[in-house]
Amino acid sequence: MDFYTLNKEEEIRVLRTISQPVKNIDGQLIEFADAMVEAMLGKGIGLAAPQVGRNERFFVVRLSEEEDPLYFFNPQIIGTSEKLSSYEEGCLSIPETWAKIKRPAVVQVQAFNRRGRPFTIEAEGLLATVIQHEYDHLQGKLFIDYLPERKREKLTSHFGHDLYPDLTREGK
């Protein structure tokens, strides 16, 4: 399974597109999500469907190989804390690029699990950060979007492509 990156313009378009809801959590989709978990082993701790070429609203998280993976189908963030925390984030879609990002320290999420059952989770610490990072992918957003423009351009200038295709740059 290949990761979509900022190295190719056609992949940037997928990464920048708002994902569509999952219509059916079936065996084929679960098999694909399981393959995503395997693909990120030793490389990352979260992976969203757009990062592997599917603009569908789901992602997987596995903070360590000792822990069971978490599956989030059609997730919705329903609450965040006012308190923020910072974490040095990286991304499989933005190779060899890291930056300290501030996000809410606690997040509440509703989603469906791999059996199609709804669940709600309140996460804090690293799990909260990863959930928000992966959720952003479903919104067509990357962690570098939180950076000031100059810093973002310095970190990403080597990609040589427009990182905001068909998007307005207002407010950035």
N, C-alpha and C. Protein backbone atom coordinates (compact mmCIF):
# COMPACT_ATOMS: atom_id res chain seq x y z
N MET A 1 0.86 -1.18 0.00
CA MET A 1 0.00 0.00 0.00
C MET A 1 0.90 1.23 0.00
N ASP A 2 0.72 2.10 -0.99
CA ASP A 2 1.52 3.32 -1.10
C ASP A 2 0.82 4.48 -0.41
N PHE A 3 1.62 5.34 0.20
CA PHE A 3 1.11 6.54 0.84
C PHE A 3 1.10 7.69 -0.15
N TYR A 4 0.01 8.43 -0.19
CA TYR A 4 -0.05 9.63 -1.01
C TYR A 4 0.76 10.72 -0.30
N THR A 5 1.56 11.45 -1.09
CA THR A 5 2.41 12.48 -0.50
C THR A 5 2.28 13.79 -1.28
N LEU A 6 2.99 14.78 -0.76
CA LEU A 6 3.01 16.07 -1.44
C LEU A 6 3.99 16.09 -2.59
N ASN A 7 4.54 14.94 -2.95
CA ASN A 7 5.50 14.84 -4.04
C ASN A 7 4.83 14.83 -5.42
N LYS A 8 3.53 14.54 -5.48
CA LYS A 8 2.85 14.46 -6.77
C LYS A 8 1.58 15.31 -6.73
N GLU A 9 1.40 16.11 -7.78
CA GLU A 9 0.25 17.02 -7.83
C GLU A 9 -1.08 16.29 -7.74
N GLU A 10 -1.21 15.15 -8.44
CA GLU A 10 -2.49 14.42 -8.41
C GLU A 10 -2.77 13.87 -7.01
N GLU A 11 -1.75 13.54 -6.26
CA GLU A 11 -1.94 13.05 -4.89
C GLU A 11 -2.28 14.19 -3.94
N ILE A 12 -1.72 15.37 -4.21
CA ILE A 12 -2.06 16.55 -3.39
C ILE A 12 -3.55 16.83 -3.51
N ARG A 13 -4.11 16.70 -4.70
CA ARG A 13 -5.55 16.94 -4.89
C ARG A 13 -6.39 16.00 -4.04
N VAL A 14 -5.99 14.74 -3.96
CA VAL A 14 -6.72 13.78 -3.13
C VAL A 14 -6.59 14.18 -1.66
N LEU A 15 -5.38 14.52 -1.25
CA LEU A 15 -5.15 14.91 0.15
C LEU A 15 -5.90 16.18 0.53
N ARG A 16 -6.19 17.03 -0.43
CA ARG A 16 -6.85 18.31 -0.17
C ARG A 16 -8.37 18.27 -0.38
N THR A 17 -8.92 17.11 -0.70
CA THR A 17 -10.35 16.97 -0.94
C THR A 17 -11.06 16.53 0.33
N ILE A 18 -12.20 17.13 0.61
CA ILE A 18 -13.01 16.72 1.76
C ILE A 18 -13.59 15.34 1.46
N SER A 19 -13.39 14.41 2.37
CA SER A 19 -13.81 13.02 2.16
C SER A 19 -15.32 12.84 2.32
N GLN A 20 -15.83 11.86 1.61
CA GLN A 20 -17.26 11.52 1.64
C GLN A 20 -17.53 10.48 2.73
N PRO A 21 -18.73 10.50 3.30
CA PRO A 21 -19.06 9.50 4.33
C PRO A 21 -18.98 8.07 3.79
N VAL A 22 -18.60 7.17 4.67
CA VAL A 22 -18.62 5.74 4.37
C VAL A 22 -20.08 5.32 4.32
N LYS A 23 -20.47 4.65 3.26
CA LYS A 23 -21.87 4.22 3.12
C LYS A 23 -22.13 2.87 3.76
N ASN A 24 -21.14 1.99 3.71
CA ASN A 24 -21.35 0.64 4.21
C ASN A 24 -20.05 0.08 4.79
N ILE A 25 -20.09 -0.28 6.06
CA ILE A 25 -18.92 -0.89 6.69
C ILE A 25 -19.05 -2.40 6.49
N ASP A 26 -18.45 -2.87 5.40
CA ASP A 26 -18.55 -4.28 5.05
C ASP A 26 -17.18 -4.95 5.13
N GLY A 27 -17.13 -6.22 4.83
CA GLY A 27 -15.89 -6.99 4.91
C GLY A 27 -14.78 -6.44 4.06
N GLN A 28 -15.12 -5.96 2.87
CA GLN A 28 -14.12 -5.42 1.96
C GLN A 28 -13.48 -4.15 2.55
N LEU A 29 -14.29 -3.30 3.14
CA LEU A 29 -13.78 -2.07 3.75
C LEU A 29 -12.92 -2.40 4.98
N ILE A 30 -13.37 -3.34 5.79
CA ILE A 30 -12.61 -3.74 6.97
C ILE A 30 -11.25 -4.32 6.55
N GLU A 31 -11.26 -5.12 5.51
CA GLU A 31 -10.01 -5.69 4.99
C GLU A 31 -9.05 -4.58 4.55
N PHE A 32 -9.59 -3.56 3.90
CA PHE A 32 -8.77 -2.43 3.48
C PHE A 32 -8.22 -1.68 4.69
N ALA A 33 -9.07 -1.43 5.70
CA ALA A 33 -8.64 -0.74 6.92
C ALA A 33 -7.58 -1.55 7.65
N ASP A 34 -7.74 -2.88 7.70
CA ASP A 34 -6.73 -3.74 8.31
C ASP A 34 -5.39 -3.61 7.56
N ALA A 35 -5.45 -3.53 6.24
CA ALA A 35 -4.24 -3.36 5.43
C ALA A 35 -3.58 -2.01 5.73
N MET A 36 -4.39 -0.99 6.02
CA MET A 36 -3.84 0.31 6.40
C MET A 36 -3.06 0.19 7.71
N VAL A 37 -3.61 -0.55 8.66
CA VAL A 37 -2.92 -0.75 9.94
C VAL A 37 -1.56 -1.41 9.69
N GLU A 38 -1.56 -2.44 8.87
CA GLU A 38 -0.31 -3.15 8.56
C GLU A 38 0.68 -2.24 7.83
N ALA A 39 0.18 -1.42 6.92
CA ALA A 39 1.05 -0.55 6.12
C ALA A 39 1.77 0.49 6.96
N MET A 40 1.15 0.92 8.03
CA MET A 40 1.78 1.99 8.83
C MET A 40 2.68 1.44 9.94
N LEU A 41 2.68 0.13 10.17
CA LEU A 41 3.52 -0.44 11.22
C LEU A 41 4.98 -0.03 11.05
N GLY A 42 5.54 0.48 12.11
CA GLY A 42 6.93 0.90 12.09
C GLY A 42 7.18 2.21 11.37
N LYS A 43 6.12 2.81 10.84
CA LYS A 43 6.26 4.05 10.08
C LYS A 43 5.46 5.20 10.67
N GLY A 44 4.31 4.88 11.28
CA GLY A 44 3.44 5.91 11.82
C GLY A 44 2.48 5.33 12.82
N ILE A 45 1.68 6.21 13.42
CA ILE A 45 0.73 5.76 14.45
C ILE A 45 -0.72 6.09 14.09
N GLY A 46 -0.92 6.67 12.92
CA GLY A 46 -2.26 6.94 12.43
C GLY A 46 -2.24 7.05 10.93
N LEU A 47 -3.34 6.67 10.30
CA LEU A 47 -3.43 6.74 8.85
C LEU A 47 -4.88 6.94 8.45
N ALA A 48 -5.11 7.96 7.63
CA ALA A 48 -6.46 8.27 7.14
C ALA A 48 -6.60 7.79 5.70
N ALA A 49 -7.83 7.45 5.33
CA ALA A 49 -8.10 6.92 3.99
C ALA A 49 -7.55 7.79 2.85
N PRO A 50 -7.66 9.13 2.91
CA PRO A 50 -7.11 9.92 1.81
C PRO A 50 -5.60 9.73 1.60
N GLN A 51 -4.91 9.34 2.66
CA GLN A 51 -3.47 9.14 2.56
C GLN A 51 -3.10 7.91 1.74
N VAL A 52 -4.09 7.08 1.47
CA VAL A 52 -3.87 5.91 0.62
C VAL A 52 -4.83 5.92 -0.57
N GLY A 53 -5.28 7.13 -0.93
CA GLY A 53 -6.01 7.32 -2.17
C GLY A 53 -7.51 7.17 -2.12
N ARG A 54 -8.11 7.07 -0.94
CA ARG A 54 -9.56 6.93 -0.84
C ARG A 54 -10.14 8.12 -0.11
N ASN A 55 -10.99 8.86 -0.77
CA ASN A 55 -11.64 10.01 -0.13
C ASN A 55 -12.92 9.58 0.58
N GLU A 56 -12.73 8.72 1.57
CA GLU A 56 -13.81 8.26 2.43
C GLU A 56 -13.46 8.61 3.87
N ARG A 57 -14.50 8.81 4.69
CA ARG A 57 -14.32 9.30 6.05
C ARG A 57 -14.00 8.15 7.01
N PHE A 58 -12.74 7.72 7.01
CA PHE A 58 -12.31 6.77 8.03
C PHE A 58 -10.80 6.85 8.21
N PHE A 59 -10.39 6.48 9.42
CA PHE A 59 -8.97 6.41 9.71
C PHE A 59 -8.72 5.35 10.77
N VAL A 60 -7.46 4.97 10.89
CA VAL A 60 -7.04 3.98 11.88
C VAL A 60 -5.93 4.60 12.73
N VAL A 61 -5.87 4.14 13.99
CA VAL A 61 -4.85 4.62 14.92
C VAL A 61 -4.29 3.41 15.67
N ARG A 62 -2.99 3.39 15.79
CA ARG A 62 -2.33 2.36 16.61
C ARG A 62 -1.10 3.01 17.21
N LEU A 63 -1.21 3.38 18.48
CA LEU A 63 -0.14 4.12 19.14
C LEU A 63 1.11 3.28 19.37
N SER A 64 0.94 1.98 19.52
CA SER A 64 2.10 1.09 19.66
C SER A 64 1.70 -0.30 19.17
N GLU A 65 2.68 -1.10 18.87
CA GLU A 65 2.41 -2.45 18.37
C GLU A 65 1.82 -3.34 19.46
N GLU A 66 1.97 -2.93 20.72
CA GLU A 66 1.40 -3.70 21.83
C GLU A 66 -0.09 -3.43 22.01
N GLU A 67 -0.57 -2.35 21.43
CA GLU A 67 -1.98 -1.98 21.58
C GLU A 67 -2.78 -2.41 20.36
N ASP A 68 -4.05 -2.68 20.60
CA ASP A 68 -4.94 -2.98 19.48
C ASP A 68 -5.20 -1.70 18.68
N PRO A 69 -5.34 -1.82 17.37
CA PRO A 69 -5.66 -0.63 16.58
C PRO A 69 -7.09 -0.16 16.86
N LEU A 70 -7.30 1.12 16.66
CA LEU A 70 -8.63 1.73 16.78
C LEU A 70 -9.09 2.12 15.37
N TYR A 71 -10.36 1.86 15.10
CA TYR A 71 -10.94 2.16 13.79
C TYR A 71 -12.02 3.21 13.98
N PHE A 72 -11.97 4.25 13.16
CA PHE A 72 -12.93 5.35 13.23
C PHE A 72 -13.57 5.51 11.86
N PHE A 73 -14.82 5.05 11.71
CA PHE A 73 -15.57 5.21 10.47
C PHE A 73 -16.60 6.32 10.68
N ASN A 74 -16.66 7.25 9.74
CA ASN A 74 -17.54 8.42 9.81
C ASN A 74 -17.43 9.14 11.16
N PRO A 75 -16.20 9.48 11.56
CA PRO A 75 -16.03 10.15 12.85
C PRO A 75 -16.54 11.58 12.84
N GLN A 76 -16.96 12.02 14.01
CA GLN A 76 -17.34 13.41 14.22
C GLN A 76 -16.73 13.86 15.54
N ILE A 77 -16.02 14.97 15.52
CA ILE A 77 -15.52 15.54 16.76
C ILE A 77 -16.68 16.33 17.36
N ILE A 78 -17.09 15.92 18.56
CA ILE A 78 -18.26 16.53 19.19
C ILE A 78 -17.89 17.45 20.35
N GLY A 79 -16.62 17.48 20.72
CA GLY A 79 -16.19 18.38 21.78
C GLY A 79 -14.68 18.42 21.88
N THR A 80 -14.18 19.59 22.30
CA THR A 80 -12.75 19.75 22.53
C THR A 80 -12.56 20.60 23.78
N SER A 81 -11.43 20.44 24.40
CA SER A 81 -11.11 21.23 25.59
C SER A 81 -10.60 22.60 25.19
N GLU A 82 -10.73 23.54 26.10
CA GLU A 82 -10.14 24.87 25.88
C GLU A 82 -8.63 24.80 26.06
N LYS A 83 -8.20 23.91 26.96
CA LYS A 83 -6.77 23.74 27.21
C LYS A 83 -6.11 23.15 25.97
N LEU A 84 -4.95 23.69 25.62
CA LEU A 84 -4.21 23.21 24.46
C LEU A 84 -2.97 22.45 24.90
N SER A 85 -2.49 21.60 24.01
CA SER A 85 -1.22 20.93 24.23
C SER A 85 -0.43 20.99 22.92
N SER A 86 0.87 20.92 23.02
CA SER A 86 1.74 20.96 21.84
C SER A 86 2.38 19.60 21.64
N TYR A 87 2.54 19.24 20.39
CA TYR A 87 3.19 17.99 20.06
C TYR A 87 3.95 18.16 18.76
N GLU A 88 5.12 17.59 18.67
CA GLU A 88 5.92 17.61 17.45
C GLU A 88 5.30 16.61 16.48
N GLU A 89 4.58 17.11 15.48
CA GLU A 89 3.86 16.25 14.56
C GLU A 89 4.65 16.03 13.27
N GLY A 90 4.45 14.86 12.72
CA GLY A 90 4.95 14.50 11.41
C GLY A 90 3.82 13.82 10.68
N CYS A 91 4.04 13.45 9.44
CA CYS A 91 2.96 12.86 8.66
C CYS A 91 3.54 11.98 7.55
N LEU A 92 2.94 10.82 7.36
CA LEU A 92 3.40 9.93 6.30
C LEU A 92 3.22 10.56 4.91
N SER A 93 2.34 11.54 4.81
CA SER A 93 2.11 12.22 3.53
C SER A 93 3.03 13.41 3.31
N ILE A 94 3.79 13.78 4.35
CA ILE A 94 4.73 14.89 4.25
C ILE A 94 6.07 14.38 4.77
N PRO A 95 6.74 13.58 3.98
CA PRO A 95 7.96 12.90 4.44
C PRO A 95 9.01 13.85 5.02
N GLU A 96 9.61 13.41 6.12
CA GLU A 96 10.73 14.08 6.74
C GLU A 96 10.45 15.54 7.09
N THR A 97 9.23 15.82 7.50
CA THR A 97 8.84 17.17 7.91
C THR A 97 8.13 17.07 9.25
N TRP A 98 8.60 17.84 10.23
CA TRP A 98 8.00 17.84 11.55
C TRP A 98 7.87 19.28 12.02
N ALA A 99 6.83 19.51 12.84
CA ALA A 99 6.65 20.83 13.42
C ALA A 99 5.80 20.70 14.68
N LYS A 100 6.05 21.57 15.63
CA LYS A 100 5.28 21.60 16.87
C LYS A 100 3.94 22.27 16.58
N ILE A 101 2.86 21.56 16.87
CA ILE A 101 1.50 22.03 16.59
C ILE A 101 0.71 22.06 17.90
N LYS A 102 -0.05 23.14 18.10
CA LYS A 102 -0.94 23.23 19.26
C LYS A 102 -2.34 22.79 18.85
N ARG A 103 -2.90 21.91 19.69
CA ARG A 103 -4.26 21.42 19.47
C ARG A 103 -4.95 21.30 20.83
N PRO A 104 -6.27 21.16 20.84
CA PRO A 104 -6.94 20.90 22.11
C PRO A 104 -6.35 19.66 22.79
N ALA A 105 -6.20 19.74 24.10
CA ALA A 105 -5.59 18.65 24.87
C ALA A 105 -6.52 17.45 25.01
N VAL A 106 -7.83 17.70 24.96
CA VAL A 106 -8.82 16.63 25.11
C VAL A 106 -9.83 16.77 23.98
N VAL A 107 -10.26 15.64 23.43
CA VAL A 107 -11.22 15.64 22.34
C VAL A 107 -12.24 14.52 22.57
N GLN A 108 -13.50 14.80 22.23
CA GLN A 108 -14.55 13.77 22.26
C GLN A 108 -14.95 13.49 20.81
N VAL A 109 -15.01 12.20 20.49
CA VAL A 109 -15.30 11.79 19.12
C VAL A 109 -16.38 10.72 19.12
N GLN A 110 -17.30 10.85 18.18
CA GLN A 110 -18.28 9.79 17.90
C GLN A 110 -17.88 9.18 16.56
N ALA A 111 -18.00 7.87 16.47
CA ALA A 111 -17.68 7.19 15.21
C ALA A 111 -18.32 5.82 15.23
N PHE A 112 -18.09 5.07 14.17
CA PHE A 112 -18.51 3.67 14.11
C PHE A 112 -17.25 2.82 14.12
N ASN A 113 -17.30 1.67 14.80
CA ASN A 113 -16.14 0.78 14.87
C ASN A 113 -16.16 -0.18 13.69
N ARG A 114 -15.25 -1.11 13.69
CA ARG A 114 -15.11 -2.03 12.55
C ARG A 114 -16.28 -3.00 12.44
N ARG A 115 -17.11 -3.09 13.46
CA ARG A 115 -18.32 -3.93 13.40
C ARG A 115 -19.56 -3.10 13.02
N GLY A 116 -19.33 -1.81 12.73
CA GLY A 116 -20.43 -0.94 12.35
C GLY A 116 -21.24 -0.42 13.53
N ARG A 117 -20.70 -0.58 14.73
CA ARG A 117 -21.41 -0.13 15.94
C ARG A 117 -20.92 1.26 16.34
N PRO A 118 -21.85 2.13 16.74
CA PRO A 118 -21.44 3.47 17.16
C PRO A 118 -20.72 3.44 18.51
N PHE A 119 -19.78 4.34 18.67
CA PHE A 119 -19.10 4.50 19.96
C PHE A 119 -18.71 5.96 20.13
N THR A 120 -18.46 6.33 21.36
CA THR A 120 -17.96 7.66 21.70
C THR A 120 -16.71 7.46 22.54
N ILE A 121 -15.71 8.27 22.28
CA ILE A 121 -14.46 8.19 23.04
C ILE A 121 -14.03 9.59 23.43
N GLU A 122 -13.52 9.70 24.65
CA GLU A 122 -12.86 10.93 25.07
C GLU A 122 -11.38 10.60 25.16
N ALA A 123 -10.58 11.32 24.42
CA ALA A 123 -9.15 11.05 24.36
C ALA A 123 -8.37 12.27 24.83
N GLU A 124 -7.21 11.98 25.40
CA GLU A 124 -6.30 13.05 25.80
C GLU A 124 -4.88 12.65 25.42
N GLY A 125 -3.97 13.58 25.58
CA GLY A 125 -2.57 13.29 25.29
C GLY A 125 -2.34 12.96 23.83
N LEU A 126 -1.42 12.01 23.60
CA LEU A 126 -1.04 11.64 22.24
C LEU A 126 -2.23 11.13 21.42
N LEU A 127 -3.12 10.36 22.04
CA LEU A 127 -4.28 9.85 21.30
C LEU A 127 -5.16 10.99 20.80
N ALA A 128 -5.36 12.01 21.62
CA ALA A 128 -6.16 13.17 21.20
C ALA A 128 -5.50 13.87 20.01
N THR A 129 -4.19 14.00 20.06
CA THR A 129 -3.46 14.65 18.97
C THR A 129 -3.60 13.85 17.68
N VAL A 130 -3.41 12.54 17.76
CA VAL A 130 -3.48 11.69 16.57
C VAL A 130 -4.89 11.71 15.97
N ILE A 131 -5.90 11.62 16.82
CA ILE A 131 -7.28 11.66 16.33
C ILE A 131 -7.54 12.95 15.57
N GLN A 132 -7.11 14.08 16.13
CA GLN A 132 -7.33 15.36 15.46
C GLN A 132 -6.54 15.47 14.16
N HIS A 133 -5.32 14.96 14.17
CA HIS A 133 -4.48 14.97 12.97
C HIS A 133 -5.14 14.16 11.85
N GLU A 134 -5.59 12.95 12.17
CA GLU A 134 -6.22 12.10 11.16
C GLU A 134 -7.57 12.66 10.72
N TYR A 135 -8.32 13.20 11.65
CA TYR A 135 -9.61 13.82 11.32
C TYR A 135 -9.40 14.97 10.33
N ASP A 136 -8.35 15.74 10.55
CA ASP A 136 -8.03 16.83 9.61
C ASP A 136 -7.86 16.31 8.19
N HIS A 137 -7.23 15.14 8.04
CA HIS A 137 -7.07 14.57 6.70
C HIS A 137 -8.42 14.37 6.01
N LEU A 138 -9.44 14.01 6.77
CA LEU A 138 -10.77 13.81 6.19
C LEU A 138 -11.38 15.13 5.75
N GLN A 139 -10.86 16.22 6.29
CA GLN A 139 -11.33 17.57 5.95
C GLN A 139 -10.46 18.21 4.86
N GLY A 140 -9.48 17.47 4.35
CA GLY A 140 -8.58 18.02 3.34
C GLY A 140 -7.53 18.94 3.93
N LYS A 141 -7.28 18.79 5.21
CA LYS A 141 -6.35 19.67 5.92
C LYS A 141 -5.12 18.89 6.38
N LEU A 142 -3.97 19.55 6.37
CA LEU A 142 -2.72 18.95 6.80
C LEU A 142 -2.17 19.71 8.00
N PHE A 143 -1.34 19.05 8.79
CA PHE A 143 -0.83 19.71 10.00
C PHE A 143 -0.05 20.97 9.69
N ILE A 144 0.57 21.04 8.52
CA ILE A 144 1.33 22.24 8.15
C ILE A 144 0.43 23.47 7.99
N ASP A 145 -0.87 23.25 7.82
CA ASP A 145 -1.80 24.37 7.67
C ASP A 145 -1.92 25.19 8.95
N TYR A 146 -1.52 24.63 10.07
CA TYR A 146 -1.56 25.35 11.34
C TYR A 146 -0.36 26.27 11.54
N LEU A 147 0.62 26.15 10.67
CA LEU A 147 1.84 26.93 10.81
C LEU A 147 1.70 28.30 10.16
N PRO A 148 2.46 29.27 10.66
CA PRO A 148 2.51 30.56 9.96
C PRO A 148 3.02 30.34 8.53
N GLU A 149 2.56 31.17 7.61
CA GLU A 149 2.87 30.96 6.19
C GLU A 149 4.36 30.85 5.90
N ARG A 150 5.16 31.70 6.50
CA ARG A 150 6.60 31.66 6.23
C ARG A 150 7.22 30.34 6.66
N LYS A 151 6.85 29.88 7.84
CA LYS A 151 7.41 28.62 8.34
C LYS A 151 6.94 27.45 7.47
N ARG A 152 5.66 27.48 7.09
CA ARG A 152 5.10 26.43 6.24
C ARG A 152 5.85 26.38 4.90
N GLU A 153 6.06 27.53 4.30
CA GLU A 153 6.75 27.58 3.01
C GLU A 153 8.19 27.11 3.13
N LYS A 154 8.86 27.45 4.23
CA LYS A 154 10.24 27.01 4.45
C LYS A 154 10.30 25.49 4.57
N LEU A 155 9.36 24.90 5.31
CA LEU A 155 9.35 23.46 5.52
C LEU A 155 8.97 22.66 4.27
N THR A 156 8.19 23.28 3.38
CA THR A 156 7.63 22.52 2.26
C THR A 156 8.13 22.98 0.88
N SER A 157 9.05 23.92 0.84
CA SER A 157 9.50 24.46 -0.45
C SER A 157 10.11 23.39 -1.36
N HIS A 158 10.69 22.35 -0.77
CA HIS A 158 11.33 21.31 -1.57
C HIS A 158 10.34 20.42 -2.34
N PHE A 159 9.05 20.52 -2.04
CA PHE A 159 8.08 19.71 -2.77
C PHE A 159 7.83 20.24 -4.18
N GLY A 160 7.98 21.55 -4.38
CA GLY A 160 7.91 22.13 -5.71
C GLY A 160 6.55 22.13 -6.37
N HIS A 161 5.47 21.94 -5.59
CA HIS A 161 4.12 21.96 -6.13
C HIS A 161 3.27 22.93 -5.32
N ASP A 162 2.15 23.36 -5.92
CA ASP A 162 1.18 24.15 -5.18
C ASP A 162 0.51 23.22 -4.18
N LEU A 163 0.65 23.51 -2.91
CA LEU A 163 0.08 22.66 -1.86
C LEU A 163 -1.38 22.97 -1.58
N TYR A 164 -1.92 23.97 -2.28
CA TYR A 164 -3.32 24.36 -2.09
C TYR A 164 -4.06 24.42 -3.42
N PRO A 165 -4.10 23.32 -4.15
CA PRO A 165 -4.78 23.35 -5.45
C PRO A 165 -6.27 23.62 -5.28
N ASP A 166 -6.78 24.49 -6.13
CA ASP A 166 -8.21 24.80 -6.14
C ASP A 166 -8.73 25.30 -4.79
N LEU A 167 -7.84 25.79 -3.95
CA LEU A 167 -8.26 26.33 -2.66
C LEU A 167 -7.91 27.80 -2.63
N THR A 168 -8.69 28.60 -1.91
CA THR A 168 -8.32 29.99 -1.72
C THR A 168 -7.31 30.05 -0.61
N ARG A 169 -6.48 31.03 -0.66
CA ARG A 169 -5.46 31.17 0.39
C ARG A 169 -5.88 32.22 1.40
N GLU A 170 -7.14 32.64 1.36
CA GLU A 170 -7.62 33.63 2.33
C GLU A 170 -7.53 33.05 3.72
N GLY A 171 -7.10 33.88 4.64
CA GLY A 171 -7.02 33.46 6.03
C GLY A 171 -5.80 32.63 6.33
N LYS A 172 -4.97 32.40 5.38
CA LYS A 172 -3.77 31.57 5.61
C LYS A 172 -2.59 32.47 5.84
